[in-house]
Amino acid sequence: MIKPPADDCANNSNQTAQALSIRAQAAELEFLLSTCDCLVSAQTMQGVYDRLAIQITQALRHRLPIVLVVMNGGLMAIGCRLSWW
């Protein structure tokens, strides 16, 4: 029988630790979600994104802009609007 290299055992141990860490983070996020207050409804935000998209479209209608998404907050906004393009 061939034994796995020592590194494989260490990798399995790291993977187990990462899985536990992810579960702990998920539990914490579930708790936060269950105790938080909704400040703005999804429908209101959708309306804001719609108006913003219309304004940007009007301002740049004669240009070909490049869209760069900033990951800290911009991902949700662009994700909602990608269906337009």
N, C-alpha and C. Protein backbone atom coordinates (compact mmCIF):
# COMPACT_ATOMS: atom_id res chain seq x y z
N MET A 1 0.84 -1.18 0.00
CA MET A 1 0.00 0.00 0.00
C MET A 1 0.89 1.25 0.00
N ILE A 2 0.53 2.22 -0.83
CA ILE A 2 1.30 3.45 -0.94
C ILE A 2 0.73 4.48 0.02
N LYS A 3 1.58 5.10 0.82
CA LYS A 3 1.15 6.13 1.76
C LYS A 3 1.17 7.49 1.06
N PRO A 4 0.17 8.32 1.35
CA PRO A 4 0.20 9.65 0.74
C PRO A 4 1.33 10.47 1.34
N PRO A 5 1.86 11.39 0.56
CA PRO A 5 2.91 12.26 1.10
C PRO A 5 2.39 13.05 2.30
N ALA A 6 3.30 13.47 3.15
CA ALA A 6 2.93 14.22 4.36
C ALA A 6 2.17 15.49 4.01
N ASP A 7 2.51 16.10 2.88
CA ASP A 7 1.83 17.34 2.47
C ASP A 7 0.34 17.12 2.26
N ASP A 8 -0.05 15.95 1.73
CA ASP A 8 -1.47 15.65 1.52
C ASP A 8 -2.22 15.64 2.84
N CYS A 9 -1.62 15.08 3.87
CA CYS A 9 -2.25 15.07 5.19
C CYS A 9 -2.42 16.49 5.71
N ALA A 10 -1.42 17.31 5.52
CA ALA A 10 -1.50 18.71 5.97
C ALA A 10 -2.58 19.45 5.20
N ASN A 11 -2.69 19.17 3.88
CA ASN A 11 -3.72 19.82 3.07
C ASN A 11 -5.11 19.43 3.54
N ASN A 12 -5.32 18.14 3.87
CA ASN A 12 -6.62 17.71 4.37
C ASN A 12 -6.97 18.42 5.67
N SER A 13 -5.99 18.57 6.53
CA SER A 13 -6.20 19.24 7.80
C SER A 13 -6.53 20.72 7.58
N ASN A 14 -5.85 21.37 6.62
CA ASN A 14 -6.14 22.77 6.29
C ASN A 14 -7.54 22.92 5.70
N GLN A 15 -7.93 21.97 4.85
CA GLN A 15 -9.26 22.01 4.24
C GLN A 15 -10.34 21.86 5.30
N THR A 16 -10.11 20.99 6.27
CA THR A 16 -11.07 20.81 7.35
C THR A 16 -11.20 22.09 8.17
N ALA A 17 -10.08 22.71 8.48
CA ALA A 17 -10.09 23.97 9.24
C ALA A 17 -10.81 25.07 8.47
N GLN A 18 -10.58 25.13 7.15
CA GLN A 18 -11.25 26.14 6.33
C GLN A 18 -12.76 25.89 6.30
N ALA A 19 -13.16 24.64 6.19
CA ALA A 19 -14.59 24.31 6.17
C ALA A 19 -15.25 24.72 7.48
N LEU A 20 -14.58 24.46 8.60
CA LEU A 20 -15.13 24.86 9.89
C LEU A 20 -15.21 26.38 10.00
N SER A 21 -14.19 27.06 9.50
CA SER A 21 -14.19 28.52 9.53
C SER A 21 -15.34 29.08 8.69
N ILE A 22 -15.58 28.50 7.53
CA ILE A 22 -16.67 28.94 6.66
C ILE A 22 -18.02 28.70 7.34
N ARG A 23 -18.16 27.57 8.01
CA ARG A 23 -19.41 27.29 8.73
C ARG A 23 -19.63 28.29 9.86
N ALA A 24 -18.56 28.64 10.58
CA ALA A 24 -18.67 29.62 11.67
C ALA A 24 -19.07 30.98 11.10
N GLN A 25 -18.47 31.37 9.98
CA GLN A 25 -18.82 32.64 9.36
C GLN A 25 -20.27 32.63 8.88
N ALA A 26 -20.70 31.53 8.31
CA ALA A 26 -22.09 31.42 7.85
C ALA A 26 -23.06 31.53 9.02
N ALA A 27 -22.73 30.90 10.13
CA ALA A 27 -23.59 30.98 11.32
C ALA A 27 -23.66 32.42 11.83
N GLU A 28 -22.52 33.11 11.82
CA GLU A 28 -22.50 34.49 12.27
C GLU A 28 -23.33 35.38 11.34
N LEU A 29 -23.22 35.16 10.04
CA LEU A 29 -24.00 35.94 9.08
C LEU A 29 -25.49 35.66 9.21
N GLU A 30 -25.85 34.41 9.45
CA GLU A 30 -27.26 34.07 9.67
C GLU A 30 -27.80 34.80 10.89
N PHE A 31 -27.01 34.84 11.96
CA PHE A 31 -27.42 35.55 13.16
C PHE A 31 -27.61 37.04 12.88
N LEU A 32 -26.63 37.64 12.20
CA LEU A 32 -26.74 39.07 11.87
C LEU A 32 -27.97 39.35 11.02
N LEU A 33 -28.22 38.50 10.05
CA LEU A 33 -29.38 38.68 9.18
C LEU A 33 -30.69 38.59 9.97
N SER A 34 -30.73 37.69 10.93
CA SER A 34 -31.96 37.52 11.71
C SER A 34 -32.20 38.66 12.69
N THR A 35 -31.17 39.45 13.01
CA THR A 35 -31.31 40.53 13.99
C THR A 35 -31.24 41.92 13.38
N CYS A 36 -31.03 42.03 12.08
CA CYS A 36 -30.85 43.36 11.49
C CYS A 36 -32.20 43.95 11.05
N ASP A 37 -32.19 45.25 10.83
CA ASP A 37 -33.37 45.97 10.35
C ASP A 37 -33.15 46.34 8.88
N CYS A 38 -34.21 46.22 8.10
CA CYS A 38 -34.14 46.61 6.68
C CYS A 38 -34.31 48.13 6.60
N LEU A 39 -33.31 48.81 6.08
CA LEU A 39 -33.37 50.26 5.97
C LEU A 39 -34.05 50.72 4.69
N VAL A 40 -33.85 49.97 3.61
CA VAL A 40 -34.43 50.32 2.32
C VAL A 40 -34.91 49.03 1.67
N SER A 41 -36.12 49.04 1.15
CA SER A 41 -36.66 47.83 0.53
C SER A 41 -35.98 47.54 -0.80
N ALA A 42 -36.04 46.29 -1.21
CA ALA A 42 -35.46 45.89 -2.50
C ALA A 42 -36.15 46.64 -3.64
N GLN A 43 -37.45 46.85 -3.52
CA GLN A 43 -38.20 47.55 -4.56
C GLN A 43 -37.72 49.01 -4.68
N THR A 44 -37.47 49.66 -3.55
CA THR A 44 -36.97 51.04 -3.57
C THR A 44 -35.59 51.09 -4.22
N MET A 45 -34.71 50.16 -3.85
CA MET A 45 -33.37 50.13 -4.44
C MET A 45 -33.44 49.86 -5.93
N GLN A 46 -34.35 49.00 -6.35
CA GLN A 46 -34.50 48.72 -7.77
C GLN A 46 -34.89 49.99 -8.52
N GLY A 47 -35.78 50.78 -7.93
CA GLY A 47 -36.17 52.05 -8.54
C GLY A 47 -35.01 53.02 -8.64
N VAL A 48 -34.18 53.06 -7.60
CA VAL A 48 -33.00 53.92 -7.62
C VAL A 48 -32.05 53.49 -8.73
N TYR A 49 -31.81 52.18 -8.83
CA TYR A 49 -30.92 51.67 -9.89
C TYR A 49 -31.50 51.97 -11.27
N ASP A 50 -32.81 51.86 -11.42
CA ASP A 50 -33.45 52.16 -12.71
C ASP A 50 -33.23 53.63 -13.09
N ARG A 51 -33.47 54.53 -12.14
CA ARG A 51 -33.28 55.96 -12.43
C ARG A 51 -31.81 56.28 -12.74
N LEU A 52 -30.91 55.68 -11.98
CA LEU A 52 -29.48 55.89 -12.21
C LEU A 52 -29.08 55.39 -13.60
N ALA A 53 -29.58 54.22 -13.98
CA ALA A 53 -29.25 53.66 -15.30
C ALA A 53 -29.78 54.56 -16.42
N ILE A 54 -30.97 55.12 -16.24
CA ILE A 54 -31.55 56.01 -17.24
C ILE A 54 -30.70 57.28 -17.37
N GLN A 55 -30.29 57.84 -16.23
CA GLN A 55 -29.47 59.05 -16.25
C GLN A 55 -28.11 58.80 -16.91
N ILE A 56 -27.49 57.68 -16.59
CA ILE A 56 -26.19 57.34 -17.19
C ILE A 56 -26.35 57.12 -18.69
N THR A 57 -27.41 56.42 -19.08
CA THR A 57 -27.66 56.16 -20.50
C THR A 57 -27.85 57.46 -21.27
N GLN A 58 -28.62 58.38 -20.69
CA GLN A 58 -28.84 59.66 -21.36
C GLN A 58 -27.54 60.47 -21.45
N ALA A 59 -26.76 60.48 -20.40
CA ALA A 59 -25.53 61.27 -20.39
C ALA A 59 -24.47 60.71 -21.34
N LEU A 60 -24.47 59.40 -21.54
CA LEU A 60 -23.42 58.76 -22.34
C LEU A 60 -23.95 58.14 -23.63
N ARG A 61 -25.10 58.56 -24.09
CA ARG A 61 -25.74 57.91 -25.23
C ARG A 61 -24.93 58.00 -26.52
N HIS A 62 -24.06 58.98 -26.64
CA HIS A 62 -23.26 59.13 -27.87
C HIS A 62 -21.83 58.64 -27.68
N ARG A 63 -21.60 57.91 -26.61
CA ARG A 63 -20.25 57.41 -26.32
C ARG A 63 -20.31 55.90 -26.11
N LEU A 64 -19.16 55.30 -26.05
CA LEU A 64 -19.06 53.88 -25.77
C LEU A 64 -18.22 53.70 -24.49
N PRO A 65 -18.87 53.83 -23.33
CA PRO A 65 -18.11 53.79 -22.07
C PRO A 65 -17.64 52.38 -21.72
N ILE A 66 -16.59 52.34 -20.94
CA ILE A 66 -16.10 51.09 -20.36
C ILE A 66 -16.60 51.07 -18.92
N VAL A 67 -17.23 49.98 -18.53
CA VAL A 67 -17.78 49.87 -17.18
C VAL A 67 -16.81 49.09 -16.31
N LEU A 68 -16.35 49.73 -15.24
CA LEU A 68 -15.49 49.08 -14.25
C LEU A 68 -16.25 49.02 -12.93
N VAL A 69 -16.31 47.85 -12.35
CA VAL A 69 -17.06 47.66 -11.11
C VAL A 69 -16.10 47.67 -9.93
N VAL A 70 -16.42 48.48 -8.94
CA VAL A 70 -15.66 48.49 -7.70
C VAL A 70 -16.31 47.45 -6.79
N MET A 71 -15.50 46.50 -6.35
CA MET A 71 -16.05 45.37 -5.59
C MET A 71 -16.66 45.78 -4.26
N ASN A 72 -16.25 46.87 -3.70
CA ASN A 72 -16.77 47.28 -2.40
C ASN A 72 -18.06 48.08 -2.58
N GLY A 73 -19.15 47.39 -2.88
CA GLY A 73 -20.44 48.05 -3.00
C GLY A 73 -20.96 48.15 -4.41
N GLY A 74 -20.11 48.13 -5.40
CA GLY A 74 -20.55 48.31 -6.77
C GLY A 74 -21.05 47.05 -7.44
N LEU A 75 -20.71 45.92 -6.89
CA LEU A 75 -21.07 44.65 -7.51
C LEU A 75 -22.59 44.45 -7.57
N MET A 76 -23.28 44.76 -6.50
CA MET A 76 -24.74 44.59 -6.49
C MET A 76 -25.41 45.51 -7.51
N ALA A 77 -24.96 46.73 -7.56
CA ALA A 77 -25.56 47.69 -8.49
C ALA A 77 -25.38 47.26 -9.94
N ILE A 78 -24.19 46.85 -10.29
CA ILE A 78 -23.95 46.46 -11.68
C ILE A 78 -24.63 45.13 -11.99
N GLY A 79 -24.71 44.25 -11.02
CA GLY A 79 -25.39 42.97 -11.22
C GLY A 79 -26.86 43.17 -11.54
N CYS A 80 -27.47 44.15 -10.92
CA CYS A 80 -28.89 44.44 -11.17
C CYS A 80 -29.10 45.00 -12.57
N ARG A 81 -28.08 45.66 -13.10
CA ARG A 81 -28.24 46.33 -14.39
C ARG A 81 -27.67 45.57 -15.56
N LEU A 82 -26.92 44.52 -15.35
CA LEU A 82 -26.32 43.80 -16.47
C LEU A 82 -27.36 43.25 -17.42
N SER A 83 -28.55 43.00 -16.95
CA SER A 83 -29.59 42.47 -17.84
C SER A 83 -30.00 43.50 -18.88
N TRP A 84 -29.70 44.78 -18.69
CA TRP A 84 -30.04 45.80 -19.66
C TRP A 84 -29.12 45.76 -20.86
N TRP A 85 -27.84 45.30 -20.67
CA TRP A 85 -26.87 45.37 -21.76
C TRP A 85 -26.83 44.11 -22.52
